[in-house]
Amino acid sequence: MRLTMKQLFIGIASIAGLMAALMRGYQLFGSRGMWLFSVFAVAALILAFFLIRRWNKARFVGISIVCLPLIPITFPKMVMTDFDHMSYVGNKERSAATLNRILAADSRFYNVSASYEAPANRKGQWLVVTGIVASTRDLESLREIVDRADDWRVEWSVLVSEESKVKS
């Protein structure tokens, strides 16, 4: 069987779509959800491939019965999921940037930075706070500022470099 350029292109696009769906599904839903996300995305791609391949043939009616309902349901769902997730991530990133500006404006926290992370292998969004403060009192103030900022799961990596004073 000899493949035409159109069939070869659609096959390569389907494989690329599978890889993109796996990566995007992993970013959005983690390791469990990526498979379900990818199954729907690739099913729509494969059915679209068969629809194009058999466009003028007898199987058009049978394939279109399966294809046509799936494609309008799957792609808007993927787009809505991406849009909702990206707007939520954008809000969290702006909140972390605002907190970082607050910390940079305070001279006690000039060595402290806060950054937003949403790793796929951990559940939830994390605020990573790293740096050095001068005293334990400054560390407590830093904790109060971060706790007021937003509903975060915080990963702390802040050192206290309090110099011990020797009484003479």
N, C-alpha and C. Protein backbone atom coordinates (compact mmCIF):
# COMPACT_ATOMS: atom_id res chain seq x y z
N MET A 1 0.85 -1.18 0.00
CA MET A 1 0.00 0.00 0.00
C MET A 1 0.89 1.23 0.00
N ARG A 2 0.65 2.09 -0.93
CA ARG A 2 1.45 3.29 -1.04
C ARG A 2 0.67 4.48 -0.46
N LEU A 3 1.34 5.22 0.42
CA LEU A 3 0.70 6.36 1.05
C LEU A 3 0.85 7.60 0.19
N THR A 4 -0.19 8.38 0.14
CA THR A 4 -0.11 9.66 -0.56
C THR A 4 0.49 10.69 0.40
N MET A 5 0.88 11.81 -0.14
CA MET A 5 1.45 12.87 0.69
C MET A 5 0.43 13.38 1.72
N LYS A 6 -0.82 13.43 1.32
CA LYS A 6 -1.87 13.89 2.22
C LYS A 6 -2.02 12.94 3.41
N GLN A 7 -2.01 11.62 3.14
CA GLN A 7 -2.14 10.64 4.21
C GLN A 7 -0.92 10.66 5.11
N LEU A 8 0.27 10.81 4.53
CA LEU A 8 1.49 10.87 5.32
C LEU A 8 1.48 12.11 6.22
N PHE A 9 1.08 13.23 5.68
CA PHE A 9 1.01 14.46 6.46
C PHE A 9 0.02 14.33 7.61
N ILE A 10 -1.14 13.75 7.34
CA ILE A 10 -2.15 13.60 8.39
C ILE A 10 -1.67 12.61 9.46
N GLY A 11 -0.96 11.55 9.06
CA GLY A 11 -0.41 10.61 10.03
C GLY A 11 0.62 11.26 10.94
N ILE A 12 1.50 12.05 10.35
CA ILE A 12 2.52 12.75 11.14
C ILE A 12 1.86 13.78 12.06
N ALA A 13 0.85 14.46 11.54
CA ALA A 13 0.13 15.44 12.37
C ALA A 13 -0.59 14.75 13.53
N SER A 14 -1.10 13.54 13.31
CA SER A 14 -1.76 12.81 14.40
C SER A 14 -0.77 12.42 15.48
N ILE A 15 0.41 11.97 15.08
CA ILE A 15 1.44 11.62 16.07
C ILE A 15 1.89 12.87 16.83
N ALA A 16 2.10 13.96 16.11
CA ALA A 16 2.47 15.21 16.78
C ALA A 16 1.36 15.67 17.71
N GLY A 17 0.11 15.49 17.29
CA GLY A 17 -1.02 15.84 18.14
C GLY A 17 -1.06 15.01 19.40
N LEU A 18 -0.74 13.73 19.28
CA LEU A 18 -0.69 12.85 20.45
C LEU A 18 0.38 13.34 21.43
N MET A 19 1.55 13.65 20.92
CA MET A 19 2.63 14.12 21.80
C MET A 19 2.25 15.44 22.46
N ALA A 20 1.68 16.35 21.69
CA ALA A 20 1.27 17.64 22.26
C ALA A 20 0.17 17.45 23.29
N ALA A 21 -0.77 16.55 23.01
CA ALA A 21 -1.86 16.31 23.96
C ALA A 21 -1.34 15.67 25.24
N LEU A 22 -0.38 14.76 25.12
CA LEU A 22 0.21 14.15 26.32
C LEU A 22 0.91 15.20 27.17
N MET A 23 1.71 16.06 26.53
CA MET A 23 2.43 17.08 27.29
C MET A 23 1.48 18.08 27.92
N ARG A 24 0.49 18.55 27.14
CA ARG A 24 -0.45 19.54 27.68
C ARG A 24 -1.33 18.91 28.76
N GLY A 25 -1.74 17.68 28.56
CA GLY A 25 -2.53 16.99 29.58
C GLY A 25 -1.75 16.81 30.86
N TYR A 26 -0.45 16.54 30.75
CA TYR A 26 0.39 16.38 31.94
C TYR A 26 0.51 17.70 32.68
N GLN A 27 0.67 18.80 31.94
CA GLN A 27 0.78 20.11 32.58
C GLN A 27 -0.52 20.49 33.28
N LEU A 28 -1.65 20.17 32.66
CA LEU A 28 -2.93 20.58 33.23
C LEU A 28 -3.40 19.68 34.36
N PHE A 29 -3.30 18.37 34.16
CA PHE A 29 -3.97 17.44 35.06
C PHE A 29 -3.04 16.48 35.79
N GLY A 30 -1.74 16.53 35.54
CA GLY A 30 -0.83 15.60 36.19
C GLY A 30 -0.80 14.26 35.47
N SER A 31 -0.22 13.27 36.12
CA SER A 31 0.04 12.00 35.45
C SER A 31 -1.23 11.20 35.19
N ARG A 32 -2.25 11.33 36.02
CA ARG A 32 -3.48 10.55 35.81
C ARG A 32 -4.36 11.15 34.73
N GLY A 33 -4.54 12.43 34.79
CA GLY A 33 -5.45 13.08 33.86
C GLY A 33 -4.93 13.21 32.46
N MET A 34 -3.61 13.10 32.30
CA MET A 34 -3.06 13.29 30.95
C MET A 34 -3.54 12.20 30.00
N TRP A 35 -3.77 11.00 30.50
CA TRP A 35 -4.20 9.92 29.61
C TRP A 35 -5.61 10.15 29.11
N LEU A 36 -6.51 10.54 29.98
CA LEU A 36 -7.89 10.80 29.55
C LEU A 36 -7.94 11.98 28.59
N PHE A 37 -7.22 13.02 28.92
CA PHE A 37 -7.15 14.20 28.05
C PHE A 37 -6.61 13.80 26.67
N SER A 38 -5.55 13.00 26.65
CA SER A 38 -4.92 12.60 25.40
C SER A 38 -5.81 11.67 24.59
N VAL A 39 -6.54 10.79 25.26
CA VAL A 39 -7.43 9.87 24.55
C VAL A 39 -8.48 10.66 23.77
N PHE A 40 -9.09 11.66 24.41
CA PHE A 40 -10.10 12.44 23.71
C PHE A 40 -9.49 13.25 22.56
N ALA A 41 -8.33 13.85 22.80
CA ALA A 41 -7.71 14.66 21.75
C ALA A 41 -7.30 13.80 20.56
N VAL A 42 -6.67 12.66 20.82
CA VAL A 42 -6.20 11.81 19.73
C VAL A 42 -7.36 11.12 19.03
N ALA A 43 -8.40 10.76 19.77
CA ALA A 43 -9.57 10.16 19.12
C ALA A 43 -10.17 11.14 18.12
N ALA A 44 -10.23 12.40 18.50
CA ALA A 44 -10.76 13.40 17.57
C ALA A 44 -9.85 13.55 16.36
N LEU A 45 -8.53 13.52 16.56
CA LEU A 45 -7.60 13.62 15.43
C LEU A 45 -7.70 12.42 14.50
N ILE A 46 -7.76 11.22 15.06
CA ILE A 46 -7.83 10.02 14.23
C ILE A 46 -9.15 9.97 13.47
N LEU A 47 -10.23 10.30 14.14
CA LEU A 47 -11.52 10.31 13.45
C LEU A 47 -11.56 11.37 12.36
N ALA A 48 -10.94 12.51 12.61
CA ALA A 48 -10.85 13.53 11.57
C ALA A 48 -10.02 13.03 10.39
N PHE A 49 -8.94 12.28 10.69
CA PHE A 49 -8.10 11.69 9.64
C PHE A 49 -8.92 10.76 8.77
N PHE A 50 -9.69 9.87 9.38
CA PHE A 50 -10.51 8.95 8.60
C PHE A 50 -11.61 9.68 7.83
N LEU A 51 -12.13 10.72 8.42
CA LEU A 51 -13.16 11.50 7.73
C LEU A 51 -12.59 12.13 6.47
N ILE A 52 -11.39 12.69 6.57
CA ILE A 52 -10.75 13.30 5.40
C ILE A 52 -10.37 12.23 4.38
N ARG A 53 -9.84 11.12 4.87
CA ARG A 53 -9.37 10.05 3.98
C ARG A 53 -10.51 9.42 3.20
N ARG A 54 -11.66 9.27 3.82
CA ARG A 54 -12.80 8.60 3.19
C ARG A 54 -13.89 9.60 2.79
N TRP A 55 -13.52 10.81 2.52
CA TRP A 55 -14.49 11.87 2.30
C TRP A 55 -15.52 11.52 1.23
N ASN A 56 -15.08 11.01 0.10
CA ASN A 56 -16.00 10.74 -1.01
C ASN A 56 -16.35 9.27 -1.14
N LYS A 57 -16.16 8.50 -0.13
CA LYS A 57 -16.41 7.06 -0.25
C LYS A 57 -17.65 6.66 0.53
N ALA A 58 -17.97 5.40 0.43
CA ALA A 58 -19.23 4.90 1.00
C ALA A 58 -19.26 4.98 2.52
N ARG A 59 -18.12 4.93 3.17
CA ARG A 59 -18.11 4.91 4.63
C ARG A 59 -18.30 6.30 5.25
N PHE A 60 -18.46 7.29 4.42
CA PHE A 60 -18.59 8.65 4.94
C PHE A 60 -19.72 8.77 5.96
N VAL A 61 -20.84 8.16 5.68
CA VAL A 61 -21.99 8.27 6.58
C VAL A 61 -21.69 7.63 7.92
N GLY A 62 -21.11 6.42 7.91
CA GLY A 62 -20.80 5.73 9.16
C GLY A 62 -19.76 6.44 9.98
N ILE A 63 -18.74 6.94 9.31
CA ILE A 63 -17.68 7.65 10.04
C ILE A 63 -18.19 8.99 10.55
N SER A 64 -18.97 9.67 9.75
CA SER A 64 -19.44 10.98 10.19
C SER A 64 -20.40 10.87 11.38
N ILE A 65 -21.10 9.74 11.49
CA ILE A 65 -21.97 9.55 12.66
C ILE A 65 -21.15 9.53 13.94
N VAL A 66 -19.96 8.94 13.87
CA VAL A 66 -19.07 8.89 15.04
C VAL A 66 -18.28 10.18 15.17
N CYS A 67 -17.80 10.69 14.05
CA CYS A 67 -16.88 11.83 14.05
C CYS A 67 -17.53 13.15 14.41
N LEU A 68 -18.60 13.44 13.75
CA LEU A 68 -19.16 14.77 13.85
C LEU A 68 -19.60 15.14 15.26
N PRO A 69 -20.19 14.25 16.06
CA PRO A 69 -20.50 14.66 17.43
C PRO A 69 -19.25 14.79 18.32
N LEU A 70 -18.23 13.97 18.06
CA LEU A 70 -17.06 13.96 18.94
C LEU A 70 -16.22 15.22 18.78
N ILE A 71 -16.00 15.64 17.56
CA ILE A 71 -15.11 16.79 17.32
C ILE A 71 -15.67 18.08 17.92
N PRO A 72 -16.94 18.43 17.71
CA PRO A 72 -17.43 19.67 18.33
C PRO A 72 -17.49 19.63 19.85
N ILE A 73 -17.52 18.45 20.43
CA ILE A 73 -17.54 18.35 21.89
C ILE A 73 -16.12 18.41 22.45
N THR A 74 -15.19 17.71 21.80
CA THR A 74 -13.84 17.58 22.34
C THR A 74 -13.04 18.87 22.26
N PHE A 75 -12.99 19.50 21.10
CA PHE A 75 -12.13 20.66 20.95
C PHE A 75 -12.57 21.86 21.78
N PRO A 76 -13.85 22.21 21.85
CA PRO A 76 -14.22 23.31 22.76
C PRO A 76 -13.90 22.99 24.22
N LYS A 77 -14.06 21.73 24.61
CA LYS A 77 -13.73 21.35 25.98
C LYS A 77 -12.25 21.56 26.25
N MET A 78 -11.40 21.17 25.29
CA MET A 78 -9.96 21.37 25.46
C MET A 78 -9.64 22.86 25.54
N VAL A 79 -10.27 23.66 24.69
CA VAL A 79 -10.00 25.10 24.68
C VAL A 79 -10.48 25.73 25.99
N MET A 80 -11.67 25.37 26.46
CA MET A 80 -12.19 25.93 27.71
C MET A 80 -11.31 25.55 28.88
N THR A 81 -10.85 24.30 28.92
CA THR A 81 -9.98 23.86 30.00
C THR A 81 -8.69 24.64 29.99
N ASP A 82 -8.10 24.81 28.82
CA ASP A 82 -6.87 25.60 28.72
C ASP A 82 -7.10 27.03 29.15
N PHE A 83 -8.20 27.65 28.70
CA PHE A 83 -8.46 29.04 29.03
C PHE A 83 -8.66 29.22 30.53
N ASP A 84 -9.46 28.36 31.15
CA ASP A 84 -9.69 28.46 32.59
C ASP A 84 -8.40 28.28 33.37
N HIS A 85 -7.62 27.29 32.98
CA HIS A 85 -6.37 27.01 33.69
C HIS A 85 -5.40 28.17 33.52
N MET A 86 -5.27 28.68 32.31
CA MET A 86 -4.30 29.74 32.07
C MET A 86 -4.70 31.04 32.77
N SER A 87 -5.99 31.36 32.85
CA SER A 87 -6.38 32.58 33.56
C SER A 87 -6.14 32.42 35.06
N TYR A 88 -6.36 31.23 35.61
CA TYR A 88 -6.09 30.99 37.02
C TYR A 88 -4.60 31.10 37.31
N VAL A 89 -3.79 30.50 36.43
CA VAL A 89 -2.34 30.56 36.60
C VAL A 89 -1.87 32.01 36.49
N GLY A 90 -2.43 32.76 35.55
CA GLY A 90 -2.05 34.16 35.41
C GLY A 90 -2.35 34.96 36.66
N ASN A 91 -3.50 34.72 37.28
CA ASN A 91 -3.84 35.41 38.53
C ASN A 91 -2.86 35.06 39.64
N LYS A 92 -2.51 33.78 39.74
CA LYS A 92 -1.55 33.36 40.77
C LYS A 92 -0.17 33.96 40.52
N GLU A 93 0.25 34.01 39.26
CA GLU A 93 1.55 34.60 38.94
C GLU A 93 1.58 36.09 39.27
N ARG A 94 0.48 36.79 38.98
CA ARG A 94 0.42 38.21 39.33
C ARG A 94 0.45 38.41 40.84
N SER A 95 -0.23 37.54 41.57
CA SER A 95 -0.23 37.62 43.02
C SER A 95 1.17 37.40 43.58
N ALA A 96 1.89 36.43 43.02
CA ALA A 96 3.27 36.17 43.46
C ALA A 96 4.19 37.34 43.10
N ALA A 97 3.99 37.94 41.94
CA ALA A 97 4.81 39.09 41.55
C ALA A 97 4.54 40.28 42.46
N THR A 98 3.29 40.49 42.84
CA THR A 98 2.95 41.57 43.78
C THR A 98 3.62 41.34 45.12
N LEU A 99 3.56 40.11 45.60
CA LEU A 99 4.22 39.77 46.86
C LEU A 99 5.72 39.99 46.76
N ASN A 100 6.30 39.63 45.63
CA ASN A 100 7.74 39.83 45.43
C ASN A 100 8.10 41.31 45.46
N ARG A 101 7.25 42.16 44.86
CA ARG A 101 7.50 43.61 44.91
C ARG A 101 7.39 44.15 46.34
N ILE A 102 6.44 43.63 47.11
CA ILE A 102 6.30 44.04 48.51
C ILE A 102 7.56 43.67 49.29
N LEU A 103 8.06 42.47 49.05
CA LEU A 103 9.27 42.04 49.75
C LEU A 103 10.48 42.84 49.32
N ALA A 104 10.58 43.17 48.04
CA ALA A 104 11.72 43.94 47.54
C ALA A 104 11.71 45.37 48.08
N ALA A 105 10.53 45.91 48.35
CA ALA A 105 10.44 47.28 48.86
C ALA A 105 10.85 47.38 50.32
N ASP A 106 10.78 46.29 51.05
CA ASP A 106 11.14 46.28 52.47
C ASP A 106 12.63 45.97 52.60
N SER A 107 13.36 46.82 53.30
CA SER A 107 14.82 46.64 53.41
C SER A 107 15.19 45.40 54.21
N ARG A 108 14.29 44.90 55.04
CA ARG A 108 14.61 43.69 55.81
C ARG A 108 14.64 42.45 54.93
N PHE A 109 13.97 42.50 53.79
CA PHE A 109 13.84 41.31 52.94
C PHE A 109 14.50 41.49 51.57
N TYR A 110 15.60 42.25 51.51
CA TYR A 110 16.22 42.50 50.21
C TYR A 110 16.83 41.24 49.60
N ASN A 111 17.13 40.23 50.40
CA ASN A 111 17.68 38.97 49.88
C ASN A 111 16.63 37.87 49.75
N VAL A 112 15.36 38.21 49.88
CA VAL A 112 14.30 37.21 49.83
C VAL A 112 13.52 37.35 48.52
N SER A 113 13.22 36.22 47.91
CA SER A 113 12.39 36.25 46.70
C SER A 113 11.28 35.23 46.82
N ALA A 114 10.17 35.53 46.19
CA ALA A 114 9.02 34.63 46.17
C ALA A 114 8.68 34.34 44.71
N SER A 115 8.45 33.08 44.41
CA SER A 115 8.11 32.72 43.03
C SER A 115 6.98 31.70 43.02
N TYR A 116 6.22 31.71 41.95
CA TYR A 116 5.07 30.82 41.79
C TYR A 116 5.51 29.56 41.06
N GLU A 117 5.08 28.42 41.54
CA GLU A 117 5.34 27.15 40.87
C GLU A 117 4.08 26.31 40.89
N ALA A 118 3.84 25.61 39.80
CA ALA A 118 2.72 24.66 39.72
C ALA A 118 3.23 23.38 39.08
N PRO A 119 4.09 22.65 39.78
CA PRO A 119 4.63 21.44 39.17
C PRO A 119 3.56 20.37 39.01
N ALA A 120 3.67 19.61 37.96
CA ALA A 120 2.64 18.61 37.67
C ALA A 120 2.73 17.41 38.60
N ASN A 121 3.89 17.18 39.18
CA ASN A 121 4.03 16.00 40.04
C ASN A 121 3.60 16.26 41.48
N ARG A 122 3.26 17.50 41.81
CA ARG A 122 2.72 17.81 43.14
C ARG A 122 1.35 18.42 42.97
N LYS A 123 0.50 18.22 43.94
CA LYS A 123 -0.85 18.75 43.84
C LYS A 123 -0.88 20.21 44.28
N GLY A 124 -1.52 21.03 43.50
CA GLY A 124 -1.72 22.41 43.89
C GLY A 124 -0.65 23.36 43.39
N GLN A 125 -0.85 24.62 43.72
CA GLN A 125 0.09 25.67 43.36
C GLN A 125 0.91 26.01 44.59
N TRP A 126 2.16 26.28 44.35
CA TRP A 126 3.09 26.53 45.45
C TRP A 126 3.73 27.89 45.30
N LEU A 127 3.94 28.54 46.43
CA LEU A 127 4.74 29.75 46.48
C LEU A 127 6.06 29.33 47.12
N VAL A 128 7.14 29.52 46.39
CA VAL A 128 8.46 29.15 46.90
C VAL A 128 9.13 30.43 47.39
N VAL A 129 9.44 30.47 48.68
CA VAL A 129 10.08 31.63 49.28
C VAL A 129 11.50 31.23 49.65
N THR A 130 12.47 31.92 49.07
CA THR A 130 13.88 31.61 49.32
C THR A 130 14.62 32.88 49.69
N GLY A 131 15.72 32.72 50.41
CA GLY A 131 16.57 33.86 50.73
C GLY A 131 17.12 33.81 52.13
N ILE A 132 17.58 34.97 52.57
CA ILE A 132 18.22 35.11 53.88
C ILE A 132 17.61 36.33 54.58
N VAL A 133 17.27 36.15 55.85
CA VAL A 133 16.82 37.28 56.66
C VAL A 133 17.81 37.47 57.81
N ALA A 134 17.74 38.65 58.44
CA ALA A 134 18.73 38.99 59.46
C ALA A 134 18.42 38.39 60.82
N SER A 135 17.15 38.20 61.15
CA SER A 135 16.82 37.72 62.50
C SER A 135 15.55 36.88 62.46
N THR A 136 15.30 36.21 63.58
CA THR A 136 14.08 35.41 63.67
C THR A 136 12.84 36.31 63.68
N ARG A 137 12.98 37.52 64.20
CA ARG A 137 11.87 38.47 64.19
C ARG A 137 11.50 38.84 62.74
N ASP A 138 12.52 39.02 61.90
CA ASP A 138 12.26 39.29 60.48
C ASP A 138 11.61 38.08 59.80
N LEU A 139 12.00 36.89 60.20
CA LEU A 139 11.40 35.68 59.64
C LEU A 139 9.91 35.60 60.00
N GLU A 140 9.58 35.95 61.24
CA GLU A 140 8.17 35.95 61.64
C GLU A 140 7.38 37.01 60.87
N SER A 141 7.99 38.17 60.66
CA SER A 141 7.32 39.22 59.86
C SER A 141 7.11 38.75 58.43
N LEU A 142 8.10 38.05 57.90
CA LEU A 142 7.99 37.51 56.54
C LEU A 142 6.86 36.49 56.45
N ARG A 143 6.75 35.64 57.46
CA ARG A 143 5.66 34.65 57.48
C ARG A 143 4.29 35.33 57.52
N GLU A 144 4.17 36.41 58.29
CA GLU A 144 2.90 37.14 58.36
C GLU A 144 2.55 37.76 57.02
N ILE A 145 3.54 38.35 56.34
CA ILE A 145 3.29 38.97 55.04
C ILE A 145 2.84 37.93 54.02
N VAL A 146 3.51 36.79 54.00
CA VAL A 146 3.17 35.73 53.04
C VAL A 146 1.80 35.14 53.35
N ASP A 147 1.49 34.97 54.63
CA ASP A 147 0.19 34.39 54.99
C ASP A 147 -0.97 35.32 54.64
N ARG A 148 -0.74 36.63 54.67
CA ARG A 148 -1.78 37.58 54.31
C ARG A 148 -1.97 37.68 52.80
N ALA A 149 -0.95 37.34 52.03
CA ALA A 149 -0.94 37.60 50.59
C ALA A 149 -2.03 36.85 49.83
N ASP A 150 -2.13 35.55 49.99
CA ASP A 150 -3.07 34.75 49.21
C ASP A 150 -3.14 33.37 49.83
N ASP A 151 -4.04 32.57 49.34
CA ASP A 151 -4.15 31.19 49.84
C ASP A 151 -3.10 30.35 49.11
N TRP A 152 -1.94 30.20 49.74
CA TRP A 152 -0.81 29.51 49.12
C TRP A 152 -0.41 28.28 49.93
N ARG A 153 0.13 27.34 49.24
CA ARG A 153 0.94 26.31 49.89
C ARG A 153 2.36 26.82 49.74
N VAL A 154 3.03 27.02 50.85
CA VAL A 154 4.33 27.69 50.82
C VAL A 154 5.44 26.68 51.08
N GLU A 155 6.45 26.76 50.24
CA GLU A 155 7.66 25.98 50.44
C GLU A 155 8.74 26.97 50.90
N TRP A 156 9.15 26.82 52.14
CA TRP A 156 10.10 27.77 52.73
C TRP A 156 11.52 27.27 52.56
N SER A 157 12.38 28.19 52.17
CA SER A 157 13.81 27.92 52.12
C SER A 157 14.53 29.21 52.51
N VAL A 158 14.23 29.67 53.71
CA VAL A 158 14.75 30.95 54.19
C VAL A 158 15.68 30.69 55.37
N LEU A 159 16.87 31.23 55.28
CA LEU A 159 17.87 31.09 56.34
C LEU A 159 17.88 32.34 57.21
N VAL A 160 18.21 32.14 58.48
CA VAL A 160 18.36 33.25 59.41
C VAL A 160 19.84 33.40 59.69
N SER A 161 20.38 34.58 59.40
CA SER A 161 21.81 34.81 59.63
C SER A 161 22.01 35.75 60.80
N GLU A 162 21.41 35.42 61.91
CA GLU A 162 21.50 36.27 63.09
C GLU A 162 22.88 36.12 63.70
N GLU A 163 23.56 37.24 63.84
CA GLU A 163 24.89 37.20 64.44
C GLU A 163 24.74 37.24 65.95
N SER A 164 25.37 36.30 66.59
CA SER A 164 25.28 36.27 68.05
C SER A 164 26.22 37.33 68.63
N LYS A 165 25.69 38.09 69.55
CA LYS A 165 26.48 39.14 70.17
C LYS A 165 27.08 38.62 71.47
N VAL A 166 28.33 38.84 71.62
CA VAL A 166 29.03 38.38 72.82
C VAL A 166 29.01 39.51 73.85
N LYS A 167 28.53 39.20 75.04
CA LYS A 167 28.50 40.20 76.10
C LYS A 167 29.90 40.31 76.70
N SER A 168 30.32 41.52 76.85
CA SER A 168 31.65 41.69 77.44
C SER A 168 31.58 42.32 78.80
